[in-house]
C-alpha atoms as a PDB file:
ATOM      1  CA  MET A   1    -173.675 -67.232 -22.602  1.00  0.00           C
ATOM      2  CA  LYS A   2    -172.933 -70.938 -22.865  1.00  0.00           C
ATOM      3  CA  GLU A   3    -169.746 -70.358 -20.896  1.00  0.00           C
ATOM      4  CA  LEU A   4    -171.770 -68.505 -18.258  1.00  0.00           C
ATOM      5  CA  PHE A   5    -174.008 -71.552 -17.709  1.00  0.00           C
ATOM      6  CA  GLU A   6    -170.928 -73.774 -17.561  1.00  0.00           C
ATOM      7  CA  ALA A   7    -169.398 -71.362 -15.043  1.00  0.00           C
ATOM      8  CA  MET A   8    -172.592 -71.628 -13.001  1.00  0.00           C
ATOM      9  CA  TRP A   9    -171.850 -75.362 -12.744  1.00  0.00           C
ATOM     10  CA  TRP A  10    -168.482 -74.631 -11.105  1.00  0.00           C
ATOM     11  CA  GLY A  11    -169.888 -71.887  -8.883  1.00  0.00           C
ATOM     12  CA  GLY A  12    -172.912 -73.941  -7.877  1.00  0.00           C
ATOM     13  CA  LYS A  13    -170.721 -76.915  -6.959  1.00  0.00           C
ATOM     14  CA  TYR A  14    -168.441 -74.647  -4.940  1.00  0.00           C
ATOM     15  CA  LEU A  15    -171.336 -73.004  -3.052  1.00  0.00           C
ATOM     16  CA  GLY A  16    -173.083 -76.323  -2.330  1.00  0.00           C
ATOM     17  CA  TYR A  17    -175.905 -75.922  -4.879  1.00  0.00           C
ATOM     18  CA  ARG A  18    -175.143 -79.216  -6.602  1.00  0.00           C
ATOM     19  CA  GLU A  19    -178.577 -79.711  -8.145  1.00  0.00           C
ATOM     20  CA  ALA A  20    -178.762 -76.156  -9.504  1.00  0.00           C
ATOM     21  CA  ALA A  21    -175.281 -76.580 -10.949  1.00  0.00           C
ATOM     22  CA  LYS A  22    -176.220 -79.853 -12.623  1.00  0.00           C
ATOM     23  CA  LEU A  23    -179.390 -78.364 -14.123  1.00  0.00           C
ATOM     24  CA  ALA A  24    -177.650 -75.232 -15.452  1.00  0.00           C
ATOM     25  CA  ASN A  25    -174.872 -77.244 -17.073  1.00  0.00           C
ATOM     26  CA  HIS A  26    -177.337 -79.710 -18.586  1.00  0.00           C
ATOM     27  CA  TYR A  27    -179.306 -76.832 -20.135  1.00  0.00           C
ATOM     28  CA  VAL A  28    -176.375 -75.973 -22.428  1.00  0.00           C
ATOM     29  CA  ASN A  29    -174.750 -79.413 -22.715  1.00  0.00           C
ATOM     30  CA  GLY A  30    -177.508 -82.013 -22.245  1.00  0.00           C
ATOM     31  CA  GLU A  31    -179.119 -81.915 -25.711  1.00  0.00           C
ATOM     32  CA  GLY A  32    -182.603 -81.912 -24.151  1.00  0.00           C
ATOM     33  CA  LYS A  33    -182.276 -85.363 -22.565  1.00  0.00           C
ATOM     34  CA  SER A  34    -184.149 -86.028 -19.324  1.00  0.00           C
ATOM     35  CA  ILE A  35    -182.153 -86.327 -16.101  1.00  0.00           C
ATOM     36  CA  ARG A  36    -182.625 -87.170 -12.411  1.00  0.00           C
ATOM     37  CA  ILE A  37    -181.534 -84.970  -9.541  1.00  0.00           C
ATOM     38  CA  ASN A  38    -180.725 -85.840  -5.936  1.00  0.00           C
ATOM     39  CA  PRO A  39    -183.938 -86.139  -3.864  1.00  0.00           C
ATOM     40  CA  ASP A  40    -182.217 -84.745  -0.750  1.00  0.00           C
ATOM     41  CA  VAL A  41    -182.804 -81.213  -2.065  1.00  0.00           C
ATOM     42  CA  TYR A  42    -186.554 -81.871  -1.716  1.00  0.00           C
ATOM     43  CA  LYS A  43    -186.503 -84.156   1.322  1.00  0.00           C
ATOM     44  CA  LYS A  44    -184.772 -81.479   3.421  1.00  0.00           C
ATOM     45  CA  SER A  45    -187.356 -78.832   2.507  1.00  0.00           C
ATOM     46  CA  ILE A  46    -189.899 -77.686   5.106  1.00  0.00           C
ATOM     47  CA  ILE A  47    -192.738 -77.233   2.597  1.00  0.00           C
ATOM     48  CA  VAL A  48    -192.074 -80.679   1.130  1.00  0.00           C
ATOM     49  CA  SER A  49    -191.964 -82.310   4.571  1.00  0.00           C
ATOM     50  CA  ASP A  50    -195.179 -80.585   5.665  1.00  0.00           C
ATOM     51  CA  THR A  51    -196.899 -81.477   2.383  1.00  0.00           C
ATOM     52  CA  MET A  52    -195.862 -85.119   2.742  1.00  0.00           C
ATOM     53  CA  ILE A  53    -197.481 -85.181   6.202  1.00  0.00           C
ATOM     54  CA  ALA A  54    -200.658 -83.624   4.773  1.00  0.00           C
ATOM     55  CA  LEU A  55    -200.742 -86.060   1.851  1.00  0.00           C
ATOM     56  CA  LYS A  56    -200.259 -89.024   4.169  1.00  0.00           C
ATOM     57  CA  GLY A  57    -203.250 -87.928   6.241  1.00  0.00           C
ATOM     58  CA  TYR A  58    -205.303 -87.531   3.082  1.00  0.00           C
ATOM     59  CA  ILE A  59    -204.128 -90.888   1.697  1.00  0.00           C
ATOM     60  CA  LYS A  60    -205.009 -92.649   4.961  1.00  0.00           C
ATOM     61  CA  GLU A  61    -208.496 -91.114   4.875  1.00  0.00           C
ATOM     62  CA  GLN A  62    -208.979 -92.094   1.227  1.00  0.00           C
ATOM     63  CA  SER A  63    -207.864 -95.642   2.011  1.00  0.00           C
ATOM     64  CA  THR A  64    -210.260 -95.874   4.983  1.00  0.00           C
ATOM     65  CA  ASN A  65    -213.080 -94.785   2.661  1.00  0.00           C
ATOM     66  CA  ASN A  66    -212.036 -97.378   0.038  1.00  0.00           C
ATOM     67  CA  LYS A  67    -211.019 -94.699  -2.466  1.00  0.00           C
ATOM     68  CA  SER A  68    -208.030 -94.862  -4.791  1.00  0.00           C
ATOM     69  CA  ILE A  69    -204.631 -93.980  -3.344  1.00  0.00           C
ATOM     70  CA  ALA A  70    -202.564 -95.170  -6.308  1.00  0.00           C
ATOM     71  CA  SER A  71    -201.468 -91.707  -7.479  1.00  0.00           C
ATOM     72  CA  ILE A  72    -202.238 -88.424  -5.754  1.00  0.00           C
ATOM     73  CA  LYS A  73    -200.674 -85.160  -6.889  1.00  0.00           C
ATOM     74  CA  THR A  74    -200.798 -81.881  -4.980  1.00  0.00           C
ATOM     75  CA  SER A  75    -202.815 -80.438  -7.866  1.00  0.00           C
ATOM     76  CA  ASN A  76    -205.658 -82.868  -6.999  1.00  0.00           C
ATOM     77  CA  PRO A  77    -208.691 -80.620  -6.304  1.00  0.00           C
ATOM     78  CA  ASP A  78    -210.013 -82.854  -3.503  1.00  0.00           C
ATOM     79  CA  PHE A  79    -206.662 -82.798  -1.723  1.00  0.00           C
ATOM     80  CA  ARG A  80    -206.344 -79.022  -2.194  1.00  0.00           C
ATOM     81  CA  ARG A  81    -209.752 -78.478  -0.561  1.00  0.00           C
ATOM     82  CA  SER A  82    -209.147 -80.982   2.235  1.00  0.00           C
ATOM     83  CA  ASN A  83    -208.463 -79.995   5.833  1.00  0.00           C
ATOM     84  CA  TYR A  84    -205.026 -81.561   5.433  1.00  0.00           C
ATOM     85  CA  ALA A  85    -203.958 -78.979   2.846  1.00  0.00           C
ATOM     86  CA  LEU A  86    -205.583 -75.853   4.308  1.00  0.00           C
ATOM     87  CA  SER A  87    -202.725 -74.984   6.661  1.00  0.00           C
ATOM     88  CA  LEU A  88    -200.258 -75.146   3.761  1.00  0.00           C
ATOM     89  CA  HIS A  89    -201.863 -72.341   1.763  1.00  0.00           C
ATOM     90  CA  ARG A  90    -200.280 -68.954   1.204  1.00  0.00           C
ATOM     91  CA  GLY A  91    -201.168 -66.486   3.930  1.00  0.00           C
ATOM     92  CA  LYS A  92    -201.061 -69.145   6.636  1.00  0.00           C
ATOM     93  CA  ARG A  93    -197.303 -69.696   6.488  1.00  0.00           C
ATOM     94  CA  SER A  94    -194.048 -67.771   6.442  1.00  0.00           C
ATOM     95  CA  ILE A  95    -192.943 -67.456   2.806  1.00  0.00           C
ATOM     96  CA  ASN A  96    -189.333 -67.105   3.925  1.00  0.00           C
ATOM     97  CA  ARG A  97    -189.116 -69.905   6.502  1.00  0.00           C
ATOM     98  CA  GLN A  98    -191.841 -72.404   5.548  1.00  0.00           C
ATOM     99  CA  GLY A  99    -192.902 -71.998   1.927  1.00  0.00           C
ATOM    100  CA  TYR A 100    -196.495 -72.612   0.884  1.00  0.00           C
ATOM    101  CA  ILE A 101    -198.859 -74.210  -1.648  1.00  0.00           C
ATOM    102  CA  HIS A 102    -200.860 -72.239  -4.204  1.00  0.00           C
ATOM    103  CA  ASN A 103    -203.166 -74.033  -6.672  1.00  0.00           C
ATOM    104  CA  GLY A 104    -201.364 -77.265  -5.858  1.00  0.00           C
ATOM    105  CA  VAL A 105    -197.899 -75.878  -6.639  1.00  0.00           C
ATOM    106  CA  LEU A 106    -195.349 -76.017  -3.824  1.00  0.00           C
ATOM    107  CA  TYR A 107    -193.361 -72.786  -3.463  1.00  0.00           C
ATOM    108  CA  ALA A 108    -190.066 -73.473  -1.732  1.00  0.00           C
ATOM    109  CA  GLU A 109    -189.229 -71.563   1.414  1.00  0.00           C
ATOM    110  CA  GLN A 110    -187.019 -68.644   0.375  1.00  0.00           C
ATOM    111  CA  SER A 111    -184.483 -69.314   3.121  1.00  0.00           C
ATOM    112  CA  ASN A 112    -183.723 -72.710   1.540  1.00  0.00           C
ATOM    113  CA  ILE A 113    -181.218 -71.372  -1.003  1.00  0.00           C
ATOM    114  CA  ARG A 114    -180.190 -74.825  -2.247  1.00  0.00           C
ATOM    115  CA  LEU A 115    -183.769 -75.645  -3.279  1.00  0.00           C
ATOM    116  CA  GLN A 116    -184.532 -72.084  -4.418  1.00  0.00           C
ATOM    117  CA  LYS A 117    -181.622 -72.157  -6.856  1.00  0.00           C
ATOM    118  CA  SER A 118    -182.568 -75.561  -8.280  1.00  0.00           C
ATOM    119  CA  ASP A 119    -186.376 -75.681  -8.248  1.00  0.00           C
ATOM    120  CA  ASN A 120    -188.408 -73.014  -6.478  1.00  0.00           C
ATOM    121  CA  ARG A 121    -191.900 -74.207  -7.565  1.00  0.00           C
ATOM    122  CA  PHE A 122    -193.143 -77.680  -8.348  1.00  0.00           C
ATOM    123  CA  TYR A 123    -195.853 -80.304  -7.818  1.00  0.00           C
ATOM    124  CA  LEU A 124    -195.374 -83.297  -5.506  1.00  0.00           C
ATOM    125  CA  THR A 125    -196.866 -86.696  -6.340  1.00  0.00           C
ATOM    126  CA  ALA A 126    -197.369 -89.717  -4.069  1.00  0.00           C
ATOM    127  CA  ASN A 127    -197.798 -93.148  -5.671  1.00  0.00           C
ATOM    128  CA  THR A 128    -198.936 -95.305  -2.774  1.00  0.00           C
ATOM    129  CA  THR A 129    -199.666 -98.948  -2.031  1.00  0.00           C
ATOM    130  CA  LYS A 130    -201.284-100.197   1.172  1.00  0.00           C
ATOM    131  CA  ILE A 131    -199.154-103.029   2.516  1.00  0.00           C
ATOM    132  CA  SER A 132    -201.249-103.948   5.562  1.00  0.00           C
ATOM    133  CA  ASN A 133    -203.795-102.352   7.920  1.00  0.00           C
ATOM    134  CA  ASN A 134    -201.820 -99.231   8.817  1.00  0.00           C
ATOM    135  CA  VAL A 135    -198.681 -99.661   6.711  1.00  0.00           C
ATOM    136  CA  PHE A 136    -198.212 -97.854   3.402  1.00  0.00           C
ATOM    137  CA  MET A 137    -195.432 -97.576   0.838  1.00  0.00           C
ATOM    138  CA  SER A 138    -195.217 -94.300  -1.068  1.00  0.00           C
ATOM    139  CA  ARG A 139    -192.997 -93.364  -3.970  1.00  0.00           C
ATOM    140  CA  TRP A 140    -192.671 -89.593  -3.830  1.00  0.00           C
ATOM    141  CA  SER A 141    -191.778 -87.745  -7.008  1.00  0.00           C
ATOM    142  CA  VAL A 142    -191.183 -84.317  -8.443  1.00  0.00           C
ATOM    143  CA  LYS A 143    -191.296 -84.000 -12.227  1.00  0.00           C
ATOM    144  CA  ASN A 144    -190.508 -80.667 -13.778  1.00  0.00           C
ATOM    145  CA  ILE A 145    -189.195 -78.913 -16.896  1.00  0.00           C
ATOM    146  CA  TYR A 146    -186.053 -76.792 -16.916  1.00  0.00           C
ATOM    147  CA  ASP A 147    -186.999 -73.792 -18.990  1.00  0.00           C
ATOM    148  CA  PHE A 148    -187.053 -70.010 -18.880  1.00  0.00           C
ATOM    149  CA  LYS A 149    -189.694 -67.393 -19.641  1.00  0.00           C
ATOM    150  CA  SER A 150    -189.368 -64.936 -22.535  1.00  0.00           C
ATOM    151  CA  PHE A 151    -188.361 -61.285 -22.081  1.00  0.00           C
ATOM    152  CA  GLU A 152    -192.023 -60.163 -21.951  1.00  0.00           C
ATOM    153  CA  LYS A 153    -192.447 -61.825 -18.533  1.00  0.00           C
ATOM    154  CA  ASN A 154    -189.618 -59.759 -16.977  1.00  0.00           C
ATOM    155  CA  TYR A 155    -188.383 -62.605 -14.765  1.00  0.00           C
ATOM    156  CA  ILE A 156    -184.897 -62.323 -13.299  1.00  0.00           C
ATOM    157  CA  THR A 157    -182.618 -65.052 -11.958  1.00  0.00           C
ATOM    158  CA  ASP A 158    -180.142 -63.988  -9.269  1.00  0.00           C
ATOM    159  CA  ILE A 159    -176.727 -65.606  -9.551  1.00  0.00           C
ATOM    160  CA  ASN A 160    -174.505 -65.157  -6.505  1.00  0.00           C
ATOM    161  CA  ILE A 161    -170.977 -64.287  -7.596  1.00  0.00           C
ATOM    162  CA  THR A 162    -169.933 -63.619  -3.995  1.00  0.00           C
ATOM    163  CA  LYS A 163    -171.989 -63.008  -0.838  1.00  0.00           C
ATOM    164  CA  GLU A 164    -172.129 -59.308  -1.700  1.00  0.00           C
ATOM    165  CA  LEU A 165    -172.146 -59.468  -5.525  1.00  0.00           C
ATOM    166  CA  VAL A 166    -175.238 -60.783  -7.338  1.00  0.00           C
ATOM    167  CA  LEU A 167    -175.555 -61.029 -11.125  1.00  0.00           C
ATOM    168  CA  LYS A 168    -179.144 -60.386 -12.254  1.00  0.00           C
ATOM    169  CA  LEU A 169    -179.682 -62.517 -15.357  1.00  0.00           C
ATOM    170  CA  PRO A 170    -182.933 -61.923 -17.293  1.00  0.00           C
ATOM    171  CA  ASP A 171    -184.761 -65.204 -17.900  1.00  0.00           C
ATOM    172  CA  GLY A 172    -185.488 -63.883 -21.400  1.00  0.00           C
ATOM    173  CA  LEU A 173    -181.789 -64.119 -22.230  1.00  0.00           C
ATOM    174  CA  SER A 174    -181.667 -67.728 -21.050  1.00  0.00           C
ATOM    175  CA  HIS A 175    -184.867 -68.433 -23.019  1.00  0.00           C
ATOM    176  CA  TYR A 176    -183.254 -66.889 -26.116  1.00  0.00           C
ATOM    177  CA  LEU A 177    -180.444 -69.474 -25.871  1.00  0.00           C
ATOM    178  CA  HIS A 178    -183.111 -72.138 -26.316  1.00  0.00           C
ATOM    179  CA  GLU A 179    -184.661 -70.232 -29.226  1.00  0.00           C
ATOM    180  CA  ILE A 180    -181.373 -70.117 -31.150  1.00  0.00           C
ATOM    181  CA  GLY A 181    -180.465 -73.734 -30.356  1.00  0.00           C
ATOM    182  CA  VAL A 182    -177.533 -73.085 -28.008  1.00  0.00           C
ATOM    183  CA  ALA A 183    -179.464 -74.598 -25.087  1.00  0.00           C
ATOM    184  CA  LYS A 184    -182.263 -77.161 -24.838  1.00  0.00           C
ATOM    185  CA  GLU A 185    -185.134 -77.308 -22.387  1.00  0.00           C
ATOM    186  CA  PHE A 186    -185.407 -80.685 -20.663  1.00  0.00           C
ATOM    187  CA  LYS A 187    -187.428 -82.693 -18.172  1.00  0.00           C
ATOM    188  CA  TYR A 188    -185.987 -83.666 -14.819  1.00  0.00           C
ATOM    189  CA  THR A 189    -187.252 -85.874 -12.035  1.00  0.00           C
ATOM    190  CA  SER A 190    -186.467 -86.694  -8.456  1.00  0.00           C
ATOM    191  CA  THR A 191    -187.929 -89.677  -6.589  1.00  0.00           C
ATOM    192  CA  TRP A 192    -187.656 -91.340  -3.196  1.00  0.00           C
ATOM    193  CA  ASN A 193    -189.476 -94.137  -1.345  1.00  0.00           C
ATOM    194  CA  GLU A 194    -190.998 -94.126   2.109  1.00  0.00           C
ATOM    195  CA  ARG A 195    -192.620 -96.882   4.171  1.00  0.00           C
ATOM    196  CA  TRP A 196    -194.886 -95.253   6.709  1.00  0.00           C
ATOM    197  CA  THR A 197    -197.695 -95.777   9.207  1.00  0.00           C
ATOM    198  CA  GLN A 198    -200.271 -93.312  10.411  1.00  0.00           C
END
């Protein structure tokens, strides 16, 4: 099984899923240490881009009302109920082409294979400072844990061997590697900065 995760590193690199490859390899060789992954995998996502626009609108409104904008996560109940977030909810978007938000969790658009293979659900956080009247600086971040569910959950991870051949790997088997000490769950982050006006 360890060799399979190492092979996924080679296959992922070859297919252009660099972040997924890095995460899979680190699971069996990283000793549980935290790592960073390339933010481009998130920045090129439609659901992430749309959520950033929604958060910026919400942040601007909060700032106008003299409310804190220091750290706002998509799990924030006020943001989730705001008009900015409503159009991002499941049922209002194409799951395949656009992705959606449910209970503050971003679900990556299924057509974005690079993001799907590396991180298909996550929270997005904006740490923001107001620089001047209409100018803001946000540090966007995704913080997640690379882990797998036990056999009882019946989750499956698809691993593309070729375009036609897909290996269906039960998450429970990958979780078992952690249980017996062959692999270690770990935290990973991705961050990027943006100066913006609205």
